[in-house]
Amino acid sequence: MDINAKLDKLCLQYFQDKAYVADGIFYGSAVETWEDVYPKVLFVLKQPNSDELLGEDYREYDFKTCIGEQVWRELLSRLYGIMNTTEEGFPSYEEAVKTDALKEAFTQYPFTVINVIKDIGAGTTSTGYLKRYAHENIDFLEAQLDLLQPNLIVCCGSGVFDIVNQAVSPSIESSGNWLKYNKDKKVVFF
């Protein structure tokens, strides 16, 4: 069973009959190379932007859909930058946001996106509510991370970093640093 199928099974057990936004490794990306790519990049978002998205599957978004939305363009540009970083440096922002760079990121590098909250599409959520929700559902988030086994987690949104730190056991004591390495899980997150 592939990882996306395992994520689907986990979500079906967790949400049962509730509508949610499915997420995981994007189908348009090089999904078959997820196990072999380094680094395995995971973007963790707060939640869907709207209840209208409930029932959708982010993984089915094609390149045209992704470049039509600011959040996906930003994620793809960051993925391009991460995957094209060398000892000599990294691509400029101007290079990373070009359509060719975004297309390269989408088609050549497997990437995954998960929402902390999948079943409420409010668009905005207080950090306090997000953290309470995550704390109440930390086992679910940990199970997703265990299935995906990312090497690099990009935390997107206020409060997401603290939530990921809690889910990547053992959590690392806060030092005011927004970059952490969990040596037990061999994962960097920021």
N, C-alpha and C. Protein backbone atom coordinates (compact mmCIF):
# COMPACT_ATOMS: atom_id res chain seq x y z
N MET A 1 0.85 -1.17 0.00
CA MET A 1 0.00 0.00 0.00
C MET A 1 0.90 1.25 0.00
N ASP A 2 0.66 2.19 -0.93
CA ASP A 2 1.50 3.38 -0.98
C ASP A 2 1.14 4.35 0.16
N ILE A 3 1.98 5.35 0.35
CA ILE A 3 1.81 6.26 1.49
C ILE A 3 0.50 7.03 1.42
N ASN A 4 0.13 7.51 0.23
CA ASN A 4 -1.14 8.24 0.12
C ASN A 4 -2.32 7.34 0.48
N ALA A 5 -2.28 6.09 0.09
CA ALA A 5 -3.36 5.16 0.45
C ALA A 5 -3.39 4.95 1.97
N LYS A 6 -2.22 4.89 2.59
CA LYS A 6 -2.17 4.75 4.05
C LYS A 6 -2.70 6.01 4.73
N LEU A 7 -2.38 7.19 4.17
CA LEU A 7 -2.94 8.43 4.71
C LEU A 7 -4.46 8.46 4.58
N ASP A 8 -4.96 7.99 3.42
CA ASP A 8 -6.42 7.93 3.21
C ASP A 8 -7.08 7.03 4.25
N LYS A 9 -6.48 5.88 4.49
CA LYS A 9 -7.03 4.94 5.47
C LYS A 9 -7.04 5.57 6.87
N LEU A 10 -5.95 6.23 7.22
CA LEU A 10 -5.85 6.91 8.51
C LEU A 10 -6.93 7.99 8.64
N CYS A 11 -7.11 8.79 7.60
CA CYS A 11 -8.11 9.86 7.64
C CYS A 11 -9.53 9.29 7.72
N LEU A 12 -9.80 8.24 6.98
CA LEU A 12 -11.14 7.63 7.04
C LEU A 12 -11.44 7.10 8.44
N GLN A 13 -10.44 6.52 9.08
CA GLN A 13 -10.63 6.06 10.46
C GLN A 13 -10.86 7.24 11.40
N TYR A 14 -10.13 8.29 11.18
CA TYR A 14 -10.18 9.44 12.07
C TYR A 14 -11.44 10.28 11.88
N PHE A 15 -11.76 10.60 10.63
CA PHE A 15 -12.90 11.50 10.36
C PHE A 15 -14.22 10.76 10.18
N GLN A 16 -14.17 9.48 9.87
CA GLN A 16 -15.35 8.65 9.64
C GLN A 16 -16.25 9.30 8.59
N ASP A 17 -17.39 9.83 8.96
CA ASP A 17 -18.32 10.39 7.98
C ASP A 17 -18.21 11.90 7.81
N LYS A 18 -17.29 12.54 8.51
CA LYS A 18 -17.13 13.99 8.40
C LYS A 18 -16.38 14.36 7.12
N ALA A 19 -16.77 15.50 6.52
CA ALA A 19 -16.05 16.01 5.35
C ALA A 19 -14.72 16.60 5.80
N TYR A 20 -13.70 16.41 4.99
CA TYR A 20 -12.37 16.96 5.28
C TYR A 20 -11.65 17.17 3.96
N VAL A 21 -10.54 17.90 4.00
CA VAL A 21 -9.70 18.09 2.82
C VAL A 21 -8.58 17.05 2.90
N ALA A 22 -8.53 16.18 1.90
CA ALA A 22 -7.48 15.17 1.84
C ALA A 22 -6.17 15.83 1.43
N ASP A 23 -5.07 15.37 2.00
CA ASP A 23 -3.77 15.92 1.66
C ASP A 23 -2.73 14.83 1.74
N GLY A 24 -1.51 15.15 1.39
CA GLY A 24 -0.43 14.18 1.36
C GLY A 24 0.51 14.51 0.22
N ILE A 25 1.06 13.49 -0.43
CA ILE A 25 2.00 13.69 -1.52
C ILE A 25 1.20 14.03 -2.78
N PHE A 26 1.53 15.16 -3.40
CA PHE A 26 0.80 15.59 -4.59
C PHE A 26 0.99 14.60 -5.74
N TYR A 27 -0.14 14.22 -6.36
CA TYR A 27 -0.09 13.24 -7.45
C TYR A 27 0.65 13.76 -8.67
N GLY A 28 0.59 15.07 -8.94
CA GLY A 28 1.28 15.64 -10.11
C GLY A 28 2.78 15.73 -9.93
N SER A 29 3.23 15.62 -8.68
CA SER A 29 4.67 15.64 -8.42
C SER A 29 5.23 14.24 -8.67
N ALA A 30 6.51 14.10 -8.53
CA ALA A 30 7.16 12.81 -8.79
C ALA A 30 6.91 11.88 -7.60
N VAL A 31 5.64 11.55 -7.37
CA VAL A 31 5.21 10.82 -6.18
C VAL A 31 5.92 9.47 -6.02
N GLU A 32 6.24 8.84 -7.14
CA GLU A 32 6.87 7.52 -7.08
C GLU A 32 8.30 7.58 -6.55
N THR A 33 8.89 8.77 -6.49
CA THR A 33 10.26 8.88 -6.00
C THR A 33 10.33 9.36 -4.54
N TRP A 34 9.18 9.48 -3.87
CA TRP A 34 9.16 9.99 -2.50
C TRP A 34 10.11 9.22 -1.59
N GLU A 35 10.10 7.91 -1.67
CA GLU A 35 10.94 7.10 -0.78
C GLU A 35 12.43 7.35 -0.99
N ASP A 36 12.82 7.74 -2.21
CA ASP A 36 14.23 7.85 -2.55
C ASP A 36 14.76 9.28 -2.56
N VAL A 37 13.88 10.26 -2.59
CA VAL A 37 14.33 11.65 -2.70
C VAL A 37 14.90 12.14 -1.38
N TYR A 38 15.87 13.05 -1.48
CA TYR A 38 16.40 13.69 -0.28
C TYR A 38 16.63 15.15 -0.61
N PRO A 39 16.09 16.02 0.18
CA PRO A 39 15.25 15.78 1.35
C PRO A 39 13.79 15.58 0.96
N LYS A 40 13.08 14.84 1.80
CA LYS A 40 11.62 14.71 1.66
C LYS A 40 11.03 15.94 2.34
N VAL A 41 10.40 16.81 1.54
CA VAL A 41 9.91 18.09 2.05
C VAL A 41 8.41 18.03 2.32
N LEU A 42 8.06 18.40 3.54
CA LEU A 42 6.67 18.46 3.98
C LEU A 42 6.35 19.90 4.37
N PHE A 43 5.26 20.43 3.80
CA PHE A 43 4.75 21.73 4.21
C PHE A 43 3.56 21.48 5.12
N VAL A 44 3.58 22.07 6.30
CA VAL A 44 2.46 21.93 7.23
C VAL A 44 1.74 23.28 7.29
N LEU A 45 0.47 23.26 6.88
CA LEU A 45 -0.37 24.45 6.88
C LEU A 45 -1.35 24.39 8.04
N LYS A 46 -1.96 25.53 8.33
CA LYS A 46 -2.92 25.59 9.43
C LYS A 46 -4.22 24.85 9.09
N GLN A 47 -4.87 25.25 7.99
CA GLN A 47 -6.17 24.68 7.65
C GLN A 47 -6.59 25.16 6.26
N PRO A 48 -7.62 24.54 5.68
CA PRO A 48 -8.14 25.01 4.40
C PRO A 48 -8.66 26.45 4.54
N ASN A 49 -8.64 27.18 3.42
CA ASN A 49 -9.08 28.58 3.44
C ASN A 49 -10.58 28.76 3.49
N SER A 50 -11.34 27.70 3.21
CA SER A 50 -12.78 27.85 3.13
C SER A 50 -13.46 26.50 3.34
N ASP A 51 -14.67 26.54 3.91
CA ASP A 51 -15.46 25.32 4.04
C ASP A 51 -15.83 24.75 2.67
N GLU A 52 -15.80 25.58 1.63
CA GLU A 52 -16.10 25.12 0.27
C GLU A 52 -15.08 24.09 -0.21
N LEU A 53 -13.91 24.05 0.42
CA LEU A 53 -12.87 23.10 0.03
C LEU A 53 -13.07 21.72 0.67
N LEU A 54 -13.93 21.64 1.69
CA LEU A 54 -14.15 20.35 2.34
C LEU A 54 -14.65 19.34 1.32
N GLY A 55 -14.05 18.17 1.32
CA GLY A 55 -14.37 17.14 0.34
C GLY A 55 -13.38 17.11 -0.82
N GLU A 56 -12.55 18.15 -0.95
CA GLU A 56 -11.54 18.17 -2.01
C GLU A 56 -10.32 17.37 -1.59
N ASP A 57 -9.47 17.13 -2.57
CA ASP A 57 -8.21 16.42 -2.34
C ASP A 57 -7.09 17.28 -2.90
N TYR A 58 -6.33 17.91 -2.04
CA TYR A 58 -5.23 18.77 -2.48
C TYR A 58 -4.30 18.04 -3.44
N ARG A 59 -4.11 16.75 -3.20
CA ARG A 59 -3.15 15.98 -3.99
C ARG A 59 -3.52 15.93 -5.47
N GLU A 60 -4.79 16.18 -5.77
CA GLU A 60 -5.25 16.14 -7.17
C GLU A 60 -5.05 17.46 -7.90
N TYR A 61 -4.63 18.49 -7.20
CA TYR A 61 -4.41 19.78 -7.85
C TYR A 61 -3.31 19.63 -8.90
N ASP A 62 -3.59 20.14 -10.10
CA ASP A 62 -2.59 20.11 -11.16
C ASP A 62 -1.77 21.39 -11.13
N PHE A 63 -0.80 21.47 -12.02
CA PHE A 63 0.10 22.63 -12.03
C PHE A 63 -0.67 23.91 -12.29
N LYS A 64 -1.59 23.88 -13.22
CA LYS A 64 -2.37 25.08 -13.55
C LYS A 64 -3.15 25.58 -12.32
N THR A 65 -3.73 24.68 -11.58
CA THR A 65 -4.45 25.05 -10.36
C THR A 65 -3.49 25.67 -9.35
N CYS A 66 -2.32 25.05 -9.19
CA CYS A 66 -1.36 25.54 -8.20
C CYS A 66 -0.83 26.93 -8.54
N ILE A 67 -0.51 27.19 -9.81
CA ILE A 67 0.04 28.52 -10.10
C ILE A 67 -1.05 29.58 -10.11
N GLY A 68 -2.31 29.15 -10.06
CA GLY A 68 -3.41 30.10 -10.00
C GLY A 68 -3.71 30.60 -8.60
N GLU A 69 -3.08 30.02 -7.59
CA GLU A 69 -3.32 30.39 -6.19
C GLU A 69 -2.00 30.79 -5.53
N GLN A 70 -2.01 31.92 -4.85
CA GLN A 70 -0.80 32.46 -4.23
C GLN A 70 -0.13 31.48 -3.27
N VAL A 71 -0.92 30.82 -2.43
CA VAL A 71 -0.31 29.92 -1.43
C VAL A 71 0.47 28.80 -2.11
N TRP A 72 -0.06 28.22 -3.18
CA TRP A 72 0.62 27.12 -3.86
C TRP A 72 1.84 27.63 -4.61
N ARG A 73 1.75 28.82 -5.22
CA ARG A 73 2.93 29.39 -5.89
C ARG A 73 4.06 29.60 -4.87
N GLU A 74 3.72 30.11 -3.69
CA GLU A 74 4.74 30.33 -2.66
C GLU A 74 5.37 29.01 -2.21
N LEU A 75 4.54 27.99 -2.02
CA LEU A 75 5.09 26.69 -1.60
C LEU A 75 6.00 26.11 -2.67
N LEU A 76 5.58 26.20 -3.93
CA LEU A 76 6.41 25.68 -5.02
C LEU A 76 7.72 26.45 -5.16
N SER A 77 7.68 27.76 -4.97
CA SER A 77 8.93 28.54 -5.06
C SER A 77 9.88 28.15 -3.93
N ARG A 78 9.34 27.90 -2.76
CA ARG A 78 10.20 27.47 -1.65
C ARG A 78 10.76 26.07 -1.90
N LEU A 79 9.92 25.19 -2.44
CA LEU A 79 10.40 23.85 -2.79
C LEU A 79 11.53 23.94 -3.82
N TYR A 80 11.35 24.79 -4.82
CA TYR A 80 12.40 24.98 -5.84
C TYR A 80 13.69 25.44 -5.16
N GLY A 81 13.58 26.41 -4.28
CA GLY A 81 14.76 26.91 -3.59
C GLY A 81 15.45 25.85 -2.75
N ILE A 82 14.66 25.08 -2.03
CA ILE A 82 15.22 24.01 -1.19
C ILE A 82 15.93 22.96 -2.04
N MET A 83 15.28 22.53 -3.09
CA MET A 83 15.83 21.45 -3.90
C MET A 83 17.00 21.88 -4.79
N ASN A 84 17.18 23.19 -4.96
CA ASN A 84 18.27 23.70 -5.80
C ASN A 84 19.33 24.43 -4.98
N THR A 85 19.34 24.20 -3.68
CA THR A 85 20.37 24.76 -2.83
C THR A 85 21.62 23.88 -2.90
N THR A 86 22.75 24.52 -3.06
CA THR A 86 24.03 23.81 -3.13
C THR A 86 24.99 24.45 -2.13
N GLU A 87 26.19 23.91 -2.05
CA GLU A 87 27.21 24.51 -1.18
C GLU A 87 27.53 25.93 -1.61
N GLU A 88 27.34 26.22 -2.89
CA GLU A 88 27.64 27.55 -3.41
C GLU A 88 26.53 28.56 -3.11
N GLY A 89 25.35 28.10 -2.78
CA GLY A 89 24.26 29.04 -2.48
C GLY A 89 22.91 28.50 -2.90
N PHE A 90 21.97 29.40 -3.04
CA PHE A 90 20.61 29.03 -3.37
C PHE A 90 20.07 30.00 -4.42
N PRO A 91 19.03 29.59 -5.13
CA PRO A 91 18.46 30.46 -6.17
C PRO A 91 17.87 31.74 -5.56
N SER A 92 17.89 32.78 -6.34
CA SER A 92 17.27 34.03 -5.90
C SER A 92 15.76 33.87 -5.90
N TYR A 93 15.10 34.71 -5.14
CA TYR A 93 13.63 34.68 -5.10
C TYR A 93 13.09 34.93 -6.50
N GLU A 94 13.70 35.87 -7.22
CA GLU A 94 13.25 36.20 -8.58
C GLU A 94 13.31 34.98 -9.49
N GLU A 95 14.33 34.16 -9.34
CA GLU A 95 14.44 32.93 -10.13
C GLU A 95 13.39 31.91 -9.68
N ALA A 96 13.22 31.77 -8.37
CA ALA A 96 12.34 30.74 -7.82
C ALA A 96 10.87 30.96 -8.14
N VAL A 97 10.46 32.20 -8.42
CA VAL A 97 9.04 32.46 -8.69
C VAL A 97 8.71 32.45 -10.18
N LYS A 98 9.69 32.22 -11.03
CA LYS A 98 9.43 32.14 -12.47
C LYS A 98 8.62 30.87 -12.76
N THR A 99 7.77 30.96 -13.76
CA THR A 99 6.90 29.83 -14.11
C THR A 99 7.69 28.56 -14.38
N ASP A 100 8.82 28.66 -15.07
CA ASP A 100 9.63 27.47 -15.37
C ASP A 100 10.15 26.82 -14.08
N ALA A 101 10.55 27.65 -13.12
CA ALA A 101 11.04 27.11 -11.85
C ALA A 101 9.90 26.45 -11.09
N LEU A 102 8.72 27.07 -11.09
CA LEU A 102 7.56 26.48 -10.41
C LEU A 102 7.18 25.15 -11.05
N LYS A 103 7.23 25.11 -12.37
CA LYS A 103 6.89 23.86 -13.08
C LYS A 103 7.92 22.77 -12.76
N GLU A 104 9.19 23.14 -12.71
CA GLU A 104 10.23 22.17 -12.34
C GLU A 104 9.96 21.62 -10.94
N ALA A 105 9.65 22.51 -10.01
CA ALA A 105 9.38 22.07 -8.64
C ALA A 105 8.19 21.14 -8.60
N PHE A 106 7.14 21.48 -9.34
CA PHE A 106 5.90 20.67 -9.31
C PHE A 106 6.10 19.30 -9.95
N THR A 107 6.84 19.24 -11.04
CA THR A 107 6.93 17.99 -11.80
C THR A 107 8.12 17.11 -11.43
N GLN A 108 9.20 17.70 -10.90
CA GLN A 108 10.41 16.91 -10.69
C GLN A 108 10.68 16.52 -9.25
N TYR A 109 10.02 17.20 -8.30
CA TYR A 109 10.29 16.92 -6.89
C TYR A 109 9.01 16.51 -6.19
N PRO A 110 8.99 15.33 -5.61
CA PRO A 110 7.79 14.98 -4.85
C PRO A 110 7.68 15.89 -3.63
N PHE A 111 6.49 16.32 -3.34
CA PHE A 111 6.31 17.15 -2.16
C PHE A 111 4.97 16.83 -1.54
N THR A 112 4.88 17.14 -0.27
CA THR A 112 3.67 16.82 0.45
C THR A 112 3.22 18.02 1.28
N VAL A 113 1.92 18.12 1.42
CA VAL A 113 1.30 19.19 2.19
C VAL A 113 0.26 18.54 3.10
N ILE A 114 0.27 18.94 4.36
CA ILE A 114 -0.81 18.53 5.26
C ILE A 114 -1.30 19.75 6.03
N ASN A 115 -2.56 19.74 6.35
CA ASN A 115 -3.16 20.75 7.21
C ASN A 115 -3.23 20.21 8.63
N VAL A 116 -3.00 21.07 9.61
CA VAL A 116 -3.20 20.68 11.00
C VAL A 116 -4.69 20.40 11.21
N ILE A 117 -5.53 21.32 10.73
CA ILE A 117 -6.99 21.16 10.79
C ILE A 117 -7.46 20.85 9.37
N LYS A 118 -8.09 19.71 9.16
CA LYS A 118 -8.53 19.32 7.83
C LYS A 118 -10.04 19.45 7.63
N ASP A 119 -10.78 19.56 8.73
CA ASP A 119 -12.24 19.47 8.64
C ASP A 119 -12.97 20.78 8.92
N ILE A 120 -12.24 21.88 9.06
CA ILE A 120 -12.85 23.19 9.25
C ILE A 120 -12.12 24.15 8.32
N GLY A 121 -12.83 24.75 7.40
CA GLY A 121 -12.21 25.66 6.44
C GLY A 121 -12.53 27.11 6.73
N ALA A 122 -12.13 27.59 7.88
CA ALA A 122 -12.47 28.96 8.28
C ALA A 122 -11.61 30.01 7.60
N GLY A 123 -10.44 29.62 7.10
CA GLY A 123 -9.54 30.59 6.50
C GLY A 123 -8.68 31.29 7.53
N THR A 124 -9.26 31.65 8.65
CA THR A 124 -8.49 32.24 9.74
C THR A 124 -8.87 31.54 11.03
N THR A 125 -7.88 31.25 11.81
CA THR A 125 -8.08 30.60 13.10
C THR A 125 -7.10 31.21 14.07
N SER A 126 -7.56 31.46 15.27
CA SER A 126 -6.64 32.00 16.28
C SER A 126 -5.57 30.95 16.58
N THR A 127 -4.39 31.43 16.93
CA THR A 127 -3.31 30.53 17.29
C THR A 127 -3.69 29.68 18.49
N GLY A 128 -4.42 30.27 19.43
CA GLY A 128 -4.86 29.53 20.61
C GLY A 128 -5.75 28.35 20.23
N TYR A 129 -6.73 28.59 19.36
CA TYR A 129 -7.63 27.51 18.94
C TYR A 129 -6.84 26.45 18.17
N LEU A 130 -5.97 26.88 17.27
CA LEU A 130 -5.17 25.94 16.48
C LEU A 130 -4.35 25.03 17.39
N LYS A 131 -3.73 25.60 18.40
CA LYS A 131 -2.91 24.80 19.32
C LYS A 131 -3.76 23.86 20.16
N ARG A 132 -4.94 24.31 20.59
CA ARG A 132 -5.85 23.43 21.35
C ARG A 132 -6.29 22.26 20.47
N TYR A 133 -6.69 22.56 19.24
CA TYR A 133 -7.12 21.53 18.29
C TYR A 133 -5.99 20.51 18.09
N ALA A 134 -4.79 21.03 17.85
CA ALA A 134 -3.65 20.14 17.62
C ALA A 134 -3.35 19.29 18.85
N HIS A 135 -3.39 19.90 20.02
CA HIS A 135 -3.13 19.16 21.26
C HIS A 135 -4.14 18.02 21.44
N GLU A 136 -5.41 18.30 21.14
CA GLU A 136 -6.46 17.28 21.27
C GLU A 136 -6.32 16.19 20.21
N ASN A 137 -5.63 16.48 19.12
CA ASN A 137 -5.51 15.54 18.00
C ASN A 137 -4.06 15.21 17.68
N ILE A 138 -3.19 15.31 18.66
CA ILE A 138 -1.75 15.14 18.44
C ILE A 138 -1.41 13.73 17.94
N ASP A 139 -2.14 12.72 18.38
CA ASP A 139 -1.87 11.35 17.91
C ASP A 139 -2.08 11.23 16.41
N PHE A 140 -3.10 11.92 15.90
CA PHE A 140 -3.39 11.90 14.47
C PHE A 140 -2.26 12.57 13.69
N LEU A 141 -1.80 13.71 14.15
CA LEU A 141 -0.70 14.40 13.49
C LEU A 141 0.58 13.57 13.55
N GLU A 142 0.87 12.97 14.69
CA GLU A 142 2.05 12.10 14.81
C GLU A 142 1.97 10.93 13.84
N ALA A 143 0.78 10.34 13.69
CA ALA A 143 0.62 9.20 12.78
C ALA A 143 0.89 9.62 11.33
N GLN A 144 0.45 10.81 10.95
CA GLN A 144 0.72 11.30 9.60
C GLN A 144 2.22 11.50 9.38
N LEU A 145 2.88 12.09 10.36
CA LEU A 145 4.33 12.31 10.25
C LEU A 145 5.09 10.99 10.20
N ASP A 146 4.64 10.01 10.97
CA ASP A 146 5.27 8.69 10.94
C ASP A 146 5.15 8.02 9.58
N LEU A 147 3.99 8.21 8.93
CA LEU A 147 3.80 7.64 7.59
C LEU A 147 4.68 8.34 6.56
N LEU A 148 4.73 9.66 6.63
CA LEU A 148 5.46 10.44 5.62
C LEU A 148 6.97 10.43 5.82
N GLN A 149 7.43 10.37 7.05
CA GLN A 149 8.85 10.38 7.39
C GLN A 149 9.63 11.46 6.63
N PRO A 150 9.22 12.72 6.78
CA PRO A 150 9.94 13.79 6.07
C PRO A 150 11.30 14.04 6.68
N ASN A 151 12.19 14.64 5.88
CA ASN A 151 13.50 15.07 6.37
C ASN A 151 13.48 16.56 6.71
N LEU A 152 12.57 17.29 6.06
CA LEU A 152 12.49 18.73 6.22
C LEU A 152 11.02 19.13 6.30
N ILE A 153 10.66 19.82 7.36
CA ILE A 153 9.28 20.27 7.54
C ILE A 153 9.28 21.79 7.55
N VAL A 154 8.51 22.36 6.63
CA VAL A 154 8.35 23.81 6.55
C VAL A 154 7.03 24.14 7.22
N CYS A 155 7.08 24.87 8.32
CA CYS A 155 5.90 25.22 9.11
C CYS A 155 5.34 26.53 8.59
N CYS A 156 4.11 26.51 8.11
CA CYS A 156 3.50 27.67 7.47
C CYS A 156 2.34 28.18 8.32
N GLY A 157 2.53 29.32 8.93
CA GLY A 157 1.46 29.92 9.70
C GLY A 157 1.78 30.01 11.17
N SER A 158 1.20 30.99 11.81
CA SER A 158 1.42 31.24 13.23
C SER A 158 0.98 30.03 14.05
N GLY A 159 1.85 29.57 14.93
CA GLY A 159 1.54 28.46 15.81
C GLY A 159 1.93 27.10 15.28
N VAL A 160 2.13 26.98 13.97
CA VAL A 160 2.40 25.67 13.36
C VAL A 160 3.73 25.11 13.84
N PHE A 161 4.74 25.95 13.99
CA PHE A 161 6.05 25.49 14.45
C PHE A 161 5.95 24.80 15.81
N ASP A 162 5.25 25.43 16.75
CA ASP A 162 5.10 24.83 18.09
C ASP A 162 4.37 23.50 18.03
N ILE A 163 3.38 23.41 17.14
CA ILE A 163 2.61 22.18 16.98
C ILE A 163 3.49 21.06 16.43
N VAL A 164 4.28 21.38 15.41
CA VAL A 164 5.18 20.37 14.83
C VAL A 164 6.21 19.94 15.87
N ASN A 165 6.73 20.88 16.64
CA ASN A 165 7.70 20.54 17.69
C ASN A 165 7.08 19.56 18.68
N GLN A 166 5.82 19.73 18.98
CA GLN A 166 5.12 18.83 19.91
C GLN A 166 4.92 17.45 19.28
N ALA A 167 4.65 17.42 17.98
CA ALA A 167 4.32 16.16 17.30
C ALA A 167 5.56 15.34 16.94
N VAL A 168 6.70 15.99 16.75
CA VAL A 168 7.93 15.28 16.41
C VAL A 168 8.60 14.89 17.72
N SER A 169 8.19 13.76 18.25
CA SER A 169 8.66 13.32 19.56
C SER A 169 10.09 12.80 19.50
N PRO A 170 10.90 13.06 20.48
CA PRO A 170 10.59 13.92 21.61
C PRO A 170 10.69 15.39 21.20
N SER A 171 9.83 16.23 21.77
CA SER A 171 9.87 17.65 21.43
C SER A 171 11.16 18.26 21.97
N ILE A 172 11.56 19.34 21.34
CA ILE A 172 12.82 19.99 21.69
C ILE A 172 12.49 21.26 22.47
N GLU A 173 13.18 21.43 23.59
CA GLU A 173 12.94 22.58 24.44
C GLU A 173 13.11 23.88 23.64
N SER A 174 12.21 24.81 23.87
CA SER A 174 12.24 26.07 23.16
C SER A 174 13.42 26.92 23.61
N SER A 175 14.11 27.47 22.62
CA SER A 175 15.24 28.35 22.92
C SER A 175 15.08 29.68 22.18
N GLY A 176 13.91 29.91 21.62
CA GLY A 176 13.69 31.10 20.82
C GLY A 176 14.16 30.93 19.39
N ASN A 177 14.71 29.77 19.08
CA ASN A 177 15.21 29.47 17.74
C ASN A 177 14.09 28.82 16.92
N TRP A 178 13.83 29.33 15.73
CA TRP A 178 12.76 28.81 14.88
C TRP A 178 13.26 27.75 13.90
N LEU A 179 14.41 27.17 14.19
CA LEU A 179 14.98 26.09 13.40
C LEU A 179 15.37 24.99 14.37
N LYS A 180 14.84 23.80 14.17
CA LYS A 180 15.11 22.69 15.08
C LYS A 180 15.54 21.46 14.29
N TYR A 181 16.36 20.65 14.94
CA TYR A 181 16.73 19.35 14.39
C TYR A 181 16.41 18.31 15.44
N ASN A 182 15.58 17.35 15.08
CA ASN A 182 15.26 16.26 15.98
C ASN A 182 16.10 15.07 15.55
N LYS A 183 17.16 14.78 16.31
CA LYS A 183 18.09 13.73 15.91
C LYS A 183 17.48 12.34 15.98
N ASP A 184 16.48 12.13 16.85
CA ASP A 184 15.82 10.81 16.92
C ASP A 184 15.04 10.51 15.64
N LYS A 185 14.39 11.52 15.09
CA LYS A 185 13.58 11.35 13.88
C LYS A 185 14.35 11.75 12.63
N LYS A 186 15.53 12.35 12.81
CA LYS A 186 16.36 12.84 11.69
C LYS A 186 15.56 13.79 10.80
N VAL A 187 14.96 14.78 11.46
CA VAL A 187 14.15 15.75 10.72
C VAL A 187 14.49 17.17 11.17
N VAL A 188 14.59 18.06 10.20
CA VAL A 188 14.77 19.49 10.45
C VAL A 188 13.42 20.15 10.21
N PHE A 189 13.06 21.06 11.10
CA PHE A 189 11.84 21.83 10.85
C PHE A 189 12.05 23.27 11.25
N PHE A 190 11.37 24.11 10.50
CA PHE A 190 11.47 25.55 10.75
C PHE A 190 10.18 26.23 10.35
